[in-house]
Every structure is written in structure tokens, then in C-alpha cells.
């Protein structure tokens, strides 16, 4: 069942990237996956649910990327390094980047209203709680979550506003984001290795909790 579901999701992903949410039909997906239309409905009841599953599967890949970065080097828990890695993961994933930079309200509405969204909100809250508890974020920034989100959004949206910037190397863009976050949102003192290891372990626990509900929603499995 999961193998067939992934084949359908692969087809839906390709069509979403090529044509956008509004133009793709269940019939298109079934034809691309070489299955009957009714087979798609065995997994997801509506087109909206199918593409929510597409987004959640991309979110799992994104979460896996962050987990890999933390396991590779606990120092990647530092906000400027973690958010630069997050930026690279989103920009190189056409589903996630399309969601972030979407100019289609229909696409945003269809993919944002997902059953597991409460888990995403939980992760955001825990993200700031973990980094704050380990003193990896400044305490004097007014409404720090908003400020940090606004800065991040600017890096995602700037290419649409100024196409000249789209030609810049991804590593340069990520480095610029990293520099801004380091100097605007982190304490000047360098954290010790022990703090980074504890913070990375705590954040891994948060990310590990995200994946099972995502997979259950996508595949309907316990």
C-alpha cells in the first residue's frame, strides 16, 4: 500500500510543480501514475487531501534534513547555522519553496490547512523554547519569533520582488541569512560544546516527534 501511495504522490508532486494546484486533476495524477482514478481515492478522499499529503511528505524530507544536520554536528543547532540549513532545504525542494513563495491563494489555502498543523505549531513553540533555554537566542529582541520569521520570509520572497537576485548562488544567499541571524538574534558570546550538544539533543527530540503523525496522516498507518 505504501509503495503505491508513494507512486501516486510522486506523480502528484511532478504535476504540482509543473502546473500548479488549480490546474491538476485527480485524473491527471492517476494517468501519470498509471493507475485507475478510483485507486487514488482508496488513499485520499479528495484532491485537497492528496496534495496535503504531497506537502506533508515534503515536510518529512525537510525535517529529515534538519535532523541529519544536527546529528552531523551539534553546532548546527545554533540559529544562524540551523536557519541557513533550513533555507537551503526549502529552496531546493520545489514543493516547499512553491508553498513559501506561492502567489496563488488557492495553493496556499489548500496546503496550509493540514490535519497535522498543530504539530507544526508545537514544533515552532518548542524551537524557541529549546534555543531560549540554552541561551542561544538574545532576550532583548522585541517579539523575537515575529522578527525572525519576517527576516526569513524576506530571504524567500526577494527573488520574486527583484529577479536579479535569483541568479545569485544559493550558498551566498544562505551565508547572508546566516550572518544576519548571527548578529541580530544571537548573543555575542560563543556557546560551549556541552551547551550545543544538549540543545541539539533537545531539538532532535522535538523533530523526532513530528514525523510519526505526518506519516500516519499521509499513509493512514499506525
N, C-alpha and C. Protein backbone atom coordinates (compact mmCIF):
# COMPACT_ATOMS: atom_id res chain seq x y z
N UNK A 1 0.82 -1.21 0.00
CA UNK A 1 0.00 0.00 0.00
C UNK A 1 0.86 1.27 0.00
N UNK A 2 1.91 1.28 0.83
CA UNK A 2 2.75 2.47 0.90
C UNK A 2 3.49 2.68 -0.42
N UNK A 3 3.94 1.61 -1.05
CA UNK A 3 4.64 1.75 -2.33
C UNK A 3 3.72 2.37 -3.38
N UNK A 4 2.46 1.94 -3.41
CA UNK A 4 1.52 2.50 -4.36
C UNK A 4 1.21 3.96 -4.00
N UNK A 5 1.06 4.24 -2.71
CA UNK A 5 0.81 5.62 -2.28
C UNK A 5 1.95 6.53 -2.70
N UNK A 6 3.18 6.07 -2.54
CA UNK A 6 4.33 6.90 -2.93
C UNK A 6 4.37 7.11 -4.44
N UNK A 7 3.96 6.12 -5.21
CA UNK A 7 3.92 6.29 -6.66
C UNK A 7 2.91 7.38 -7.03
N UNK A 8 1.77 7.37 -6.36
CA UNK A 8 0.76 8.41 -6.60
C UNK A 8 1.29 9.77 -6.18
N UNK A 9 1.94 9.83 -5.03
CA UNK A 9 2.48 11.10 -4.54
C UNK A 9 3.59 11.62 -5.44
N UNK A 10 4.41 10.71 -6.00
CA UNK A 10 5.44 11.13 -6.94
C UNK A 10 4.80 11.80 -8.16
N UNK A 11 3.75 11.18 -8.67
CA UNK A 11 3.06 11.73 -9.83
C UNK A 11 2.43 13.08 -9.50
N UNK A 12 1.77 13.16 -8.36
CA UNK A 12 1.12 14.41 -7.95
C UNK A 12 2.15 15.52 -7.74
N UNK A 13 3.31 15.17 -7.19
CA UNK A 13 4.37 16.15 -6.98
C UNK A 13 4.86 16.73 -8.30
N UNK A 14 5.11 15.84 -9.27
CA UNK A 14 5.58 16.30 -10.58
C UNK A 14 4.57 17.25 -11.22
N UNK A 15 3.30 16.89 -11.16
CA UNK A 15 2.27 17.71 -11.79
C UNK A 15 2.07 19.03 -11.05
N UNK A 16 2.17 18.99 -9.72
CA UNK A 16 2.04 20.21 -8.94
C UNK A 16 3.13 21.21 -9.31
N UNK A 17 4.35 20.72 -9.41
CA UNK A 17 5.48 21.59 -9.73
C UNK A 17 5.34 22.14 -11.15
N UNK A 18 4.86 21.31 -12.06
CA UNK A 18 4.76 21.73 -13.46
C UNK A 18 3.59 22.67 -13.73
N UNK A 19 2.44 22.42 -13.09
CA UNK A 19 1.22 23.10 -13.49
C UNK A 19 0.53 23.89 -12.37
N UNK A 20 0.88 23.65 -11.11
CA UNK A 20 0.20 24.32 -10.02
C UNK A 20 -1.04 23.57 -9.57
N UNK A 21 -1.48 23.88 -8.36
CA UNK A 21 -2.56 23.13 -7.73
C UNK A 21 -3.87 23.19 -8.51
N UNK A 22 -4.26 24.37 -8.95
CA UNK A 22 -5.58 24.54 -9.55
C UNK A 22 -5.75 23.77 -10.85
N UNK A 23 -4.67 23.64 -11.62
CA UNK A 23 -4.79 23.04 -12.95
C UNK A 23 -4.70 21.52 -12.95
N UNK A 24 -4.27 20.93 -11.85
CA UNK A 24 -4.08 19.47 -11.81
C UNK A 24 -5.36 18.81 -11.30
N UNK A 25 -5.76 17.72 -11.96
CA UNK A 25 -6.94 16.96 -11.54
C UNK A 25 -6.52 15.58 -11.05
N UNK A 26 -7.44 14.92 -10.37
CA UNK A 26 -7.19 13.55 -9.93
C UNK A 26 -6.95 12.66 -11.15
N UNK A 27 -7.68 12.91 -12.23
CA UNK A 27 -7.48 12.14 -13.46
C UNK A 27 -6.06 12.29 -13.98
N UNK A 28 -5.52 13.51 -13.92
CA UNK A 28 -4.15 13.75 -14.36
C UNK A 28 -3.16 12.93 -13.52
N UNK A 29 -3.38 12.93 -12.24
CA UNK A 29 -2.48 12.21 -11.32
C UNK A 29 -2.56 10.71 -11.60
N UNK A 30 -3.76 10.19 -11.73
CA UNK A 30 -3.93 8.76 -11.98
C UNK A 30 -3.26 8.36 -13.29
N UNK A 31 -3.41 9.17 -14.32
CA UNK A 31 -2.79 8.87 -15.61
C UNK A 31 -1.27 8.88 -15.49
N UNK A 32 -0.73 9.87 -14.79
CA UNK A 32 0.73 9.95 -14.63
C UNK A 32 1.25 8.77 -13.82
N UNK A 33 0.48 8.30 -12.85
CA UNK A 33 0.89 7.17 -12.01
C UNK A 33 0.55 5.82 -12.63
N UNK A 34 -0.13 5.83 -13.78
CA UNK A 34 -0.52 4.61 -14.49
C UNK A 34 -1.41 3.72 -13.63
N UNK A 35 -2.41 4.35 -13.02
CA UNK A 35 -3.39 3.60 -12.23
C UNK A 35 -4.77 4.15 -12.54
N UNK A 36 -5.80 3.50 -12.02
CA UNK A 36 -7.15 3.99 -12.19
C UNK A 36 -7.45 5.14 -11.25
N UNK A 37 -8.36 6.02 -11.66
CA UNK A 37 -8.74 7.15 -10.83
C UNK A 37 -9.26 6.70 -9.47
N UNK A 38 -10.03 5.61 -9.46
CA UNK A 38 -10.59 5.13 -8.20
C UNK A 38 -9.53 4.69 -7.21
N UNK A 39 -8.37 4.27 -7.72
CA UNK A 39 -7.29 3.84 -6.82
C UNK A 39 -6.76 5.00 -5.99
N UNK A 40 -6.72 6.19 -6.59
CA UNK A 40 -6.28 7.36 -5.84
C UNK A 40 -7.18 7.58 -4.63
N UNK A 41 -8.49 7.40 -4.84
CA UNK A 41 -9.45 7.64 -3.76
C UNK A 41 -9.39 6.58 -2.67
N UNK A 42 -8.72 5.48 -2.93
CA UNK A 42 -8.52 4.49 -1.87
C UNK A 42 -7.57 5.04 -0.80
N UNK A 43 -6.74 5.99 -1.18
CA UNK A 43 -5.77 6.57 -0.26
C UNK A 43 -6.22 7.93 0.29
N UNK A 44 -6.78 8.77 -0.56
CA UNK A 44 -7.19 10.12 -0.16
C UNK A 44 -8.55 10.42 -0.76
N UNK A 45 -9.42 11.00 0.03
CA UNK A 45 -10.81 11.18 -0.38
C UNK A 45 -11.00 12.32 -1.37
N UNK A 46 -10.12 13.30 -1.35
CA UNK A 46 -10.28 14.47 -2.19
C UNK A 46 -8.94 14.90 -2.78
N UNK A 47 -9.02 15.74 -3.78
CA UNK A 47 -7.81 16.32 -4.36
C UNK A 47 -7.04 17.11 -3.30
N UNK A 48 -7.77 17.84 -2.48
CA UNK A 48 -7.13 18.63 -1.44
C UNK A 48 -6.34 17.75 -0.48
N UNK A 49 -6.92 16.63 -0.06
CA UNK A 49 -6.21 15.72 0.84
C UNK A 49 -4.98 15.13 0.16
N UNK A 50 -5.09 14.81 -1.12
CA UNK A 50 -3.94 14.26 -1.85
C UNK A 50 -2.78 15.24 -1.82
N UNK A 51 -3.05 16.51 -2.11
CA UNK A 51 -1.96 17.47 -2.17
C UNK A 51 -1.49 17.91 -0.79
N UNK A 52 -2.33 17.78 0.19
CA UNK A 52 -1.85 17.95 1.56
C UNK A 52 -0.84 16.86 1.90
N UNK A 53 -1.10 15.64 1.43
CA UNK A 53 -0.16 14.54 1.64
C UNK A 53 1.15 14.80 0.92
N UNK A 54 1.07 15.39 -0.28
CA UNK A 54 2.28 15.77 -1.01
C UNK A 54 3.12 16.73 -0.18
N UNK A 55 2.45 17.73 0.38
CA UNK A 55 3.16 18.73 1.18
C UNK A 55 3.76 18.11 2.44
N UNK A 56 2.99 17.25 3.11
CA UNK A 56 3.49 16.65 4.34
C UNK A 56 4.67 15.72 4.07
N UNK A 57 4.64 15.02 2.95
CA UNK A 57 5.79 14.17 2.63
C UNK A 57 7.04 15.02 2.39
N UNK A 58 6.85 16.17 1.74
CA UNK A 58 7.98 17.09 1.56
C UNK A 58 8.44 17.63 2.91
N UNK A 59 7.50 17.86 3.83
CA UNK A 59 7.86 18.34 5.16
C UNK A 59 8.68 17.30 5.92
N UNK A 60 8.37 16.02 5.71
CA UNK A 60 9.17 14.96 6.34
C UNK A 60 10.60 15.00 5.82
N UNK A 61 10.75 15.16 4.50
CA UNK A 61 12.09 15.24 3.92
C UNK A 61 12.86 16.43 4.49
N UNK A 62 12.15 17.55 4.68
CA UNK A 62 12.76 18.74 5.27
C UNK A 62 13.20 18.47 6.71
N UNK A 63 12.31 17.85 7.49
CA UNK A 63 12.63 17.52 8.88
C UNK A 63 13.81 16.56 8.95
N UNK A 64 13.84 15.59 8.05
CA UNK A 64 14.96 14.66 7.99
C UNK A 64 16.27 15.40 7.73
N UNK A 65 16.21 16.40 6.86
CA UNK A 65 17.41 17.18 6.57
C UNK A 65 17.93 17.92 7.78
N UNK A 66 17.02 18.50 8.55
CA UNK A 66 17.44 19.20 9.77
C UNK A 66 17.99 18.22 10.80
N UNK A 67 17.34 17.05 10.92
CA UNK A 67 17.84 16.04 11.86
C UNK A 67 19.23 15.57 11.46
N UNK A 68 19.44 15.38 10.17
CA UNK A 68 20.77 14.96 9.70
C UNK A 68 21.82 16.00 10.05
N UNK A 69 21.46 17.28 9.89
CA UNK A 69 22.41 18.35 10.19
C UNK A 69 22.77 18.36 11.67
N UNK A 70 21.79 18.15 12.54
CA UNK A 70 22.05 18.15 13.99
C UNK A 70 22.87 16.94 14.40
N UNK A 71 22.62 15.80 13.78
CA UNK A 71 23.39 14.60 14.11
C UNK A 71 24.81 14.69 13.56
N UNK A 72 24.96 15.36 12.45
CA UNK A 72 26.28 15.51 11.84
C UNK A 72 27.18 16.39 12.68
N UNK A 73 26.60 17.45 13.25
CA UNK A 73 27.39 18.38 14.07
C UNK A 73 26.43 19.13 14.99
N UNK A 74 26.51 18.89 16.30
CA UNK A 74 25.61 19.60 17.23
C UNK A 74 25.69 21.12 17.12
N UNK A 75 26.81 21.65 16.62
CA UNK A 75 26.93 23.10 16.47
C UNK A 75 25.93 23.65 15.46
N UNK A 76 25.36 22.78 14.65
CA UNK A 76 24.35 23.22 13.70
C UNK A 76 23.05 23.64 14.38
N UNK A 77 22.95 23.43 15.70
CA UNK A 77 21.77 23.90 16.44
C UNK A 77 21.80 25.41 16.62
N UNK A 78 22.93 26.03 16.45
CA UNK A 78 23.00 27.48 16.56
C UNK A 78 22.07 28.09 15.51
N UNK A 79 21.25 29.07 15.90
CA UNK A 79 20.22 29.57 14.99
C UNK A 79 20.72 29.98 13.62
N UNK A 80 21.88 30.64 13.54
CA UNK A 80 22.34 31.10 12.23
C UNK A 80 22.72 29.94 11.33
N UNK A 81 23.18 28.85 11.91
CA UNK A 81 23.51 27.68 11.09
C UNK A 81 22.26 26.86 10.77
N UNK A 82 21.37 26.73 11.75
CA UNK A 82 20.16 25.94 11.54
C UNK A 82 19.23 26.60 10.52
N UNK A 83 19.08 27.91 10.58
CA UNK A 83 18.19 28.59 9.66
C UNK A 83 18.79 28.69 8.26
N UNK A 84 20.10 28.73 8.16
CA UNK A 84 20.73 28.68 6.84
C UNK A 84 20.51 27.31 6.21
N UNK A 85 20.62 26.25 7.02
CA UNK A 85 20.36 24.91 6.51
C UNK A 85 18.89 24.77 6.13
N UNK A 86 18.00 25.32 6.95
CA UNK A 86 16.58 25.31 6.65
C UNK A 86 16.31 26.00 5.32
N UNK A 87 16.93 27.12 5.10
CA UNK A 87 16.76 27.87 3.85
C UNK A 87 17.19 27.02 2.65
N UNK A 88 18.34 26.38 2.76
CA UNK A 88 18.82 25.54 1.65
C UNK A 88 17.85 24.39 1.38
N UNK A 89 17.34 23.78 2.43
CA UNK A 89 16.42 22.65 2.27
C UNK A 89 15.12 23.08 1.60
N UNK A 90 14.60 24.22 1.98
CA UNK A 90 13.33 24.69 1.40
C UNK A 90 13.52 25.11 -0.05
N UNK A 91 14.56 25.88 -0.32
CA UNK A 91 14.77 26.40 -1.67
C UNK A 91 15.02 25.28 -2.67
N UNK A 92 15.64 24.21 -2.24
CA UNK A 92 15.94 23.10 -3.15
C UNK A 92 14.82 22.07 -3.21
N UNK A 93 13.74 22.28 -2.46
CA UNK A 93 12.58 21.40 -2.52
C UNK A 93 11.46 22.17 -3.21
N UNK A 94 11.13 21.83 -4.47
CA UNK A 94 10.16 22.64 -5.22
C UNK A 94 8.78 22.70 -4.58
N UNK A 95 8.38 21.66 -3.86
CA UNK A 95 7.07 21.69 -3.20
C UNK A 95 7.08 22.70 -2.06
N UNK A 96 8.08 22.63 -1.20
CA UNK A 96 8.15 23.55 -0.06
C UNK A 96 8.39 24.98 -0.51
N UNK A 97 9.28 25.16 -1.47
CA UNK A 97 9.56 26.51 -1.93
C UNK A 97 8.34 27.10 -2.63
N UNK A 98 7.62 26.26 -3.37
CA UNK A 98 6.40 26.74 -4.00
C UNK A 98 5.37 27.15 -2.98
N UNK A 99 5.35 26.46 -1.85
CA UNK A 99 4.41 26.79 -0.79
C UNK A 99 4.79 28.12 -0.14
N UNK A 100 6.07 28.30 0.12
CA UNK A 100 6.54 29.52 0.79
C UNK A 100 6.38 30.73 -0.11
N UNK A 101 6.73 30.57 -1.39
CA UNK A 101 6.73 31.71 -2.30
C UNK A 101 5.49 31.76 -3.19
N UNK A 102 4.49 30.94 -2.88
CA UNK A 102 3.31 30.83 -3.76
C UNK A 102 2.61 32.18 -3.90
N UNK A 103 2.28 32.52 -5.16
CA UNK A 103 1.47 33.70 -5.39
C UNK A 103 0.02 33.30 -5.66
N UNK A 104 -0.26 32.01 -5.47
CA UNK A 104 -1.62 31.51 -5.67
C UNK A 104 -2.28 31.27 -4.31
N UNK A 105 -3.32 32.02 -4.02
CA UNK A 105 -4.03 31.85 -2.76
C UNK A 105 -4.63 30.45 -2.67
N UNK A 106 -5.08 29.92 -3.82
CA UNK A 106 -5.68 28.59 -3.82
C UNK A 106 -4.67 27.54 -3.37
N UNK A 107 -3.43 27.67 -3.83
CA UNK A 107 -2.40 26.71 -3.44
C UNK A 107 -2.11 26.83 -1.95
N UNK A 108 -1.95 28.05 -1.46
CA UNK A 108 -1.65 28.25 -0.05
C UNK A 108 -2.78 27.72 0.83
N UNK A 109 -4.01 28.04 0.45
CA UNK A 109 -5.14 27.60 1.25
C UNK A 109 -5.26 26.08 1.27
N UNK A 110 -5.03 25.46 0.13
CA UNK A 110 -5.19 24.01 0.03
C UNK A 110 -4.14 23.28 0.85
N UNK A 111 -2.92 23.79 0.86
CA UNK A 111 -1.83 23.07 1.50
C UNK A 111 -1.61 23.49 2.95
N UNK A 112 -2.06 24.67 3.32
CA UNK A 112 -1.80 25.14 4.68
C UNK A 112 -2.74 24.49 5.69
N UNK A 113 -3.95 24.17 5.28
CA UNK A 113 -4.95 23.64 6.21
C UNK A 113 -4.80 22.13 6.32
N UNK A 114 -3.74 21.69 7.00
CA UNK A 114 -3.46 20.27 7.08
C UNK A 114 -3.77 19.75 8.47
N UNK A 115 -4.11 18.47 8.52
CA UNK A 115 -4.53 17.88 9.79
C UNK A 115 -3.44 17.94 10.85
N UNK A 116 -2.18 17.90 10.43
CA UNK A 116 -1.08 17.86 11.40
C UNK A 116 -0.53 19.24 11.71
N UNK A 117 -1.26 20.30 11.36
CA UNK A 117 -0.70 21.63 11.55
C UNK A 117 -0.42 21.93 13.02
N UNK A 118 -1.21 21.35 13.92
CA UNK A 118 -0.96 21.57 15.34
C UNK A 118 0.43 21.10 15.73
N UNK A 119 0.93 20.07 15.06
CA UNK A 119 2.28 19.60 15.34
C UNK A 119 3.31 20.61 14.87
N UNK A 120 3.06 21.27 13.74
CA UNK A 120 3.98 22.28 13.26
C UNK A 120 4.04 23.45 14.24
N UNK A 121 2.88 23.87 14.74
CA UNK A 121 2.84 24.96 15.69
C UNK A 121 3.56 24.57 16.98
N UNK A 122 3.37 23.31 17.38
CA UNK A 122 4.06 22.82 18.57
C UNK A 122 5.56 22.87 18.35
N UNK A 123 6.01 22.48 17.17
CA UNK A 123 7.43 22.47 16.89
C UNK A 123 7.99 23.89 16.92
N UNK A 124 7.24 24.86 16.39
CA UNK A 124 7.70 26.24 16.41
C UNK A 124 7.87 26.74 17.84
N UNK A 125 6.88 26.46 18.68
CA UNK A 125 6.97 26.87 20.08
C UNK A 125 8.15 26.22 20.77
N UNK A 126 8.32 24.92 20.54
CA UNK A 126 9.42 24.20 21.18
C UNK A 126 10.77 24.67 20.63
N UNK A 127 10.80 25.05 19.37
CA UNK A 127 12.03 25.56 18.76
C UNK A 127 12.56 26.75 19.56
N UNK A 128 11.70 27.72 19.80
CA UNK A 128 12.12 28.90 20.56
C UNK A 128 12.36 28.56 22.02
N UNK A 129 11.59 27.65 22.57
CA UNK A 129 11.78 27.26 23.97
C UNK A 129 13.14 26.61 24.16
N UNK A 130 13.49 25.70 23.27
CA UNK A 130 14.77 24.99 23.38
C UNK A 130 15.93 25.95 23.21
N UNK A 131 15.90 26.76 22.16
CA UNK A 131 17.02 27.67 21.91
C UNK A 131 17.12 28.74 22.98
N UNK A 132 15.96 29.19 23.48
CA UNK A 132 15.99 30.17 24.55
C UNK A 132 16.52 29.59 25.85
N UNK A 133 16.09 28.38 26.17
CA UNK A 133 16.52 27.74 27.42
C UNK A 133 18.03 27.53 27.44
N UNK A 134 18.60 27.27 26.28
CA UNK A 134 20.04 27.06 26.22
C UNK A 134 20.80 28.35 25.88
N UNK A 135 20.08 29.47 25.95
CA UNK A 135 20.67 30.81 25.78
C UNK A 135 21.36 30.96 24.43
N UNK A 136 20.72 30.43 23.39
CA UNK A 136 21.26 30.56 22.04
C UNK A 136 20.57 31.69 21.27
N UNK A 137 19.58 32.32 21.88
CA UNK A 137 18.91 33.47 21.29
C UNK A 137 18.97 34.65 22.26
N UNK A 138 19.02 35.86 21.71
CA UNK A 138 19.01 37.05 22.54
C UNK A 138 17.67 37.21 23.23
N UNK A 139 17.68 37.87 24.37
CA UNK A 139 16.47 38.09 25.13
C UNK A 139 15.92 39.51 24.97
N UNK A 140 16.65 40.37 24.25
CA UNK A 140 16.26 41.78 24.18
C UNK A 140 15.63 42.16 22.84
N UNK A 141 15.32 41.17 22.00
CA UNK A 141 14.69 41.47 20.71
C UNK A 141 13.17 41.47 20.89
N UNK A 142 12.50 42.60 20.63
CA UNK A 142 11.04 42.63 20.78
C UNK A 142 10.35 41.63 19.84
N UNK A 143 9.48 40.82 20.41
CA UNK A 143 8.72 39.83 19.63
C UNK A 143 9.67 39.06 18.70
N UNK A 144 10.61 38.37 19.31
CA UNK A 144 11.66 37.69 18.54
C UNK A 144 11.10 36.71 17.50
N UNK A 145 10.10 35.89 17.82
CA UNK A 145 9.58 34.97 16.79
C UNK A 145 9.10 35.70 15.54
N UNK A 146 8.40 36.82 15.74
CA UNK A 146 7.93 37.59 14.58
C UNK A 146 9.11 38.16 13.80
N UNK A 147 10.06 38.76 14.51
CA UNK A 147 11.21 39.38 13.84
C UNK A 147 12.00 38.35 13.04
N UNK A 148 12.22 37.20 13.64
CA UNK A 148 12.99 36.16 12.96
C UNK A 148 12.22 35.63 11.74
N UNK A 149 10.90 35.45 11.89
CA UNK A 149 10.09 34.97 10.77
C UNK A 149 10.07 36.00 9.64
N UNK A 150 10.01 37.28 9.99
CA UNK A 150 9.98 38.33 8.98
C UNK A 150 11.28 38.38 8.19
N UNK A 151 12.39 38.22 8.89
CA UNK A 151 13.68 38.20 8.21
C UNK A 151 13.76 37.00 7.26
N UNK A 152 13.35 35.83 7.77
CA UNK A 152 13.38 34.64 6.94
C UNK A 152 12.49 34.77 5.71
N UNK A 153 11.30 35.32 5.90
CA UNK A 153 10.37 35.49 4.78
C UNK A 153 10.97 36.39 3.71
N UNK A 154 11.70 37.40 4.13
CA UNK A 154 12.33 38.29 3.16
C UNK A 154 13.31 37.56 2.26
N UNK A 155 14.08 36.65 2.82
CA UNK A 155 15.03 35.90 2.01
C UNK A 155 14.32 34.97 1.02
N UNK A 156 13.15 34.44 1.41
CA UNK A 156 12.41 33.57 0.50
C UNK A 156 11.73 34.37 -0.61
N UNK A 157 11.28 35.58 -0.31
CA UNK A 157 10.45 36.32 -1.25
C UNK A 157 11.23 37.28 -2.15
N UNK A 158 12.47 37.60 -1.80
CA UNK A 158 13.20 38.65 -2.50
C UNK A 158 13.38 38.35 -3.98
N UNK A 159 13.55 37.10 -4.35
CA UNK A 159 13.77 36.77 -5.76
C UNK A 159 12.57 37.14 -6.62
N UNK A 160 11.36 37.01 -6.05
CA UNK A 160 10.15 37.37 -6.80
C UNK A 160 10.03 38.88 -6.95
N UNK A 161 10.50 39.62 -5.93
CA UNK A 161 10.43 41.07 -5.97
C UNK A 161 11.52 41.65 -6.86
N UNK A 162 12.71 41.05 -6.79
CA UNK A 162 13.86 41.52 -7.57
C UNK A 162 14.50 40.33 -8.27
N UNK A 163 14.06 40.01 -9.50
CA UNK A 163 14.56 38.82 -10.20
C UNK A 163 16.07 38.78 -10.37
N UNK A 164 16.73 39.93 -10.30
CA UNK A 164 18.19 39.94 -10.45
C UNK A 164 18.84 39.09 -9.37
N UNK A 165 18.24 39.09 -8.19
CA UNK A 165 18.84 38.33 -7.09
C UNK A 165 18.69 36.82 -7.29
N UNK A 166 17.78 36.40 -8.15
CA UNK A 166 17.55 34.96 -8.35
C UNK A 166 18.79 34.27 -8.91
N UNK A 167 19.63 35.04 -9.60
CA UNK A 167 20.82 34.45 -10.21
C UNK A 167 21.96 34.26 -9.21
N UNK A 168 21.82 34.79 -8.02
CA UNK A 168 22.89 34.65 -7.03
C UNK A 168 23.01 33.20 -6.57
N UNK A 169 24.21 32.82 -6.23
CA UNK A 169 24.48 31.45 -5.78
C UNK A 169 23.75 31.17 -4.47
N UNK A 170 23.17 29.97 -4.36
CA UNK A 170 22.42 29.60 -3.16
C UNK A 170 23.29 29.68 -1.92
N UNK A 171 24.54 29.30 -2.02
CA UNK A 171 25.43 29.35 -0.86
C UNK A 171 25.65 30.78 -0.39
N UNK A 172 25.71 31.71 -1.32
CA UNK A 172 25.88 33.12 -0.95
C UNK A 172 24.64 33.63 -0.23
N UNK A 173 23.46 33.25 -0.72
CA UNK A 173 22.22 33.68 -0.08
C UNK A 173 22.12 33.11 1.34
N UNK A 174 22.43 31.81 1.47
CA UNK A 174 22.37 31.18 2.79
C UNK A 174 23.39 31.82 3.73
N UNK A 175 24.55 32.18 3.21
CA UNK A 175 25.58 32.82 4.04
C UNK A 175 25.11 34.19 4.52
N UNK A 176 24.42 34.92 3.65
CA UNK A 176 23.89 36.23 4.04
C UNK A 176 22.85 36.08 5.15
N UNK A 177 21.95 35.12 5.00
CA UNK A 177 20.95 34.86 6.03
C UNK A 177 21.62 34.48 7.34
N UNK A 178 22.62 33.62 7.26
CA UNK A 178 23.34 33.18 8.44
C UNK A 178 23.98 34.37 9.17
N UNK A 179 24.57 35.28 8.41
CA UNK A 179 25.22 36.45 9.01
C UNK A 179 24.21 37.33 9.73
N UNK A 180 23.07 37.58 9.10
CA UNK A 180 22.04 38.43 9.71
C UNK A 180 21.53 37.81 11.00
N UNK A 181 21.22 36.52 10.97
CA UNK A 181 20.70 35.85 12.16
C UNK A 181 21.74 35.85 13.27
N UNK A 182 22.98 35.58 12.93
CA UNK A 182 24.04 35.53 13.96
C UNK A 182 24.17 36.87 14.68
N UNK A 183 24.15 37.96 13.94
CA UNK A 183 24.44 39.26 14.55
C UNK A 183 23.20 39.99 15.05
N UNK A 184 22.03 39.59 14.59
CA UNK A 184 20.81 40.27 15.03
C UNK A 184 20.07 39.53 16.14
N UNK A 185 20.23 38.20 16.19
CA UNK A 185 19.37 37.42 17.06
C UNK A 185 20.11 36.53 18.08
N UNK A 186 21.42 36.45 18.00
CA UNK A 186 22.16 35.59 18.92
C UNK A 186 23.04 36.41 19.86
N UNK A 187 23.26 35.91 21.07
CA UNK A 187 24.19 36.58 21.98
C UNK A 187 25.59 36.62 21.37
N UNK A 188 26.37 37.65 21.71
CA UNK A 188 27.71 37.75 21.11
C UNK A 188 28.67 36.65 21.55
N UNK A 189 28.50 36.13 22.77
CA UNK A 189 29.43 35.11 23.28
C UNK A 189 29.23 33.78 22.55
N UNK A 190 30.34 33.07 22.35
CA UNK A 190 30.28 31.76 21.71
C UNK A 190 29.86 30.72 22.73
N UNK A 191 28.85 29.89 22.42
CA UNK A 191 28.42 28.85 23.36
C UNK A 191 29.42 27.71 23.43
N UNK A 192 29.47 27.05 24.56
CA UNK A 192 30.41 25.94 24.71
C UNK A 192 29.83 24.69 24.05
N UNK A 193 30.71 23.72 23.83
CA UNK A 193 30.31 22.50 23.13
C UNK A 193 29.23 21.74 23.89
N UNK A 194 29.34 21.71 25.21
CA UNK A 194 28.37 20.96 26.01
C UNK A 194 26.96 21.54 25.84
N UNK A 195 26.85 22.85 25.80
CA UNK A 195 25.55 23.50 25.61
C UNK A 195 24.98 23.13 24.24
N UNK A 196 25.82 23.16 23.23
CA UNK A 196 25.37 22.83 21.88
C UNK A 196 24.90 21.38 21.79
N UNK A 197 25.60 20.49 22.45
CA UNK A 197 25.21 19.08 22.41
C UNK A 197 23.86 18.86 23.10
N UNK A 198 23.66 19.54 24.23
CA UNK A 198 22.38 19.39 24.94
C UNK A 198 21.24 20.00 24.13
N UNK A 199 21.49 21.16 23.54
CA UNK A 199 20.45 21.83 22.76
C UNK A 199 20.10 21.01 21.52
N UNK A 200 21.12 20.45 20.87
CA UNK A 200 20.87 19.63 19.68
C UNK A 200 20.05 18.40 20.03
N UNK A 201 20.37 17.77 21.16
CA UNK A 201 19.62 16.59 21.58
C UNK A 201 18.17 16.95 21.88
N UNK A 202 17.95 18.08 22.52
CA UNK A 202 16.59 18.50 22.84
C UNK A 202 15.80 18.81 21.57
N UNK A 203 16.44 19.47 20.61
CA UNK A 203 15.74 19.82 19.38
C UNK A 203 15.48 18.57 18.53
N UNK A 204 16.39 17.62 18.57
CA UNK A 204 16.16 16.36 17.87
C UNK A 204 14.92 15.65 18.41
N UNK A 205 14.72 15.73 19.71
CA UNK A 205 13.52 15.13 20.31
C UNK A 205 12.26 15.78 19.75
N UNK A 206 12.30 17.09 19.59
CA UNK A 206 11.16 17.80 19.01
C UNK A 206 10.91 17.36 17.57
N UNK A 207 11.96 17.33 16.76
CA UNK A 207 11.81 16.95 15.36
C UNK A 207 11.39 15.48 15.22
N UNK A 208 11.93 14.62 16.09
CA UNK A 208 11.56 13.21 16.03
C UNK A 208 10.07 13.01 16.27
N UNK A 209 9.48 13.87 17.09
CA UNK A 209 8.06 13.75 17.39
C UNK A 209 7.18 14.19 16.23
N UNK A 210 7.74 14.94 15.27
CA UNK A 210 6.94 15.43 14.16
C UNK A 210 6.61 14.35 13.14
N UNK A 211 7.54 13.46 12.89
CA UNK A 211 7.42 12.56 11.75
C UNK A 211 6.30 11.53 11.88
N UNK A 212 6.14 10.83 13.02
CA UNK A 212 5.09 9.80 13.10
C UNK A 212 3.68 10.31 12.77
N UNK A 213 3.23 11.47 13.32
CA UNK A 213 1.89 11.93 12.94
C UNK A 213 1.79 12.33 11.48
N UNK A 214 2.86 12.84 10.91
CA UNK A 214 2.86 13.14 9.47
C UNK A 214 2.66 11.86 8.67
N UNK A 215 3.44 10.84 9.00
CA UNK A 215 3.35 9.58 8.25
C UNK A 215 1.98 8.94 8.42
N UNK A 216 1.44 9.01 9.61
CA UNK A 216 0.12 8.42 9.84
C UNK A 216 -0.93 9.14 9.01
N UNK A 217 -0.82 10.46 8.92
CA UNK A 217 -1.79 11.23 8.13
C UNK A 217 -1.65 10.90 6.64
N UNK A 218 -0.43 10.79 6.16
CA UNK A 218 -0.20 10.53 4.74
C UNK A 218 -0.66 9.14 4.34
N UNK A 219 -0.23 8.15 5.13
CA UNK A 219 -0.42 6.77 4.71
C UNK A 219 -1.55 6.05 5.46
N UNK A 220 -2.07 6.67 6.50
CA UNK A 220 -3.13 6.02 7.26
C UNK A 220 -2.68 4.80 8.01
N UNK A 221 -1.40 4.79 8.42
CA UNK A 221 -0.84 3.64 9.13
C UNK A 221 -0.46 4.05 10.53
N UNK A 222 -0.52 3.10 11.47
CA UNK A 222 -0.05 3.34 12.84
C UNK A 222 1.44 3.08 12.90
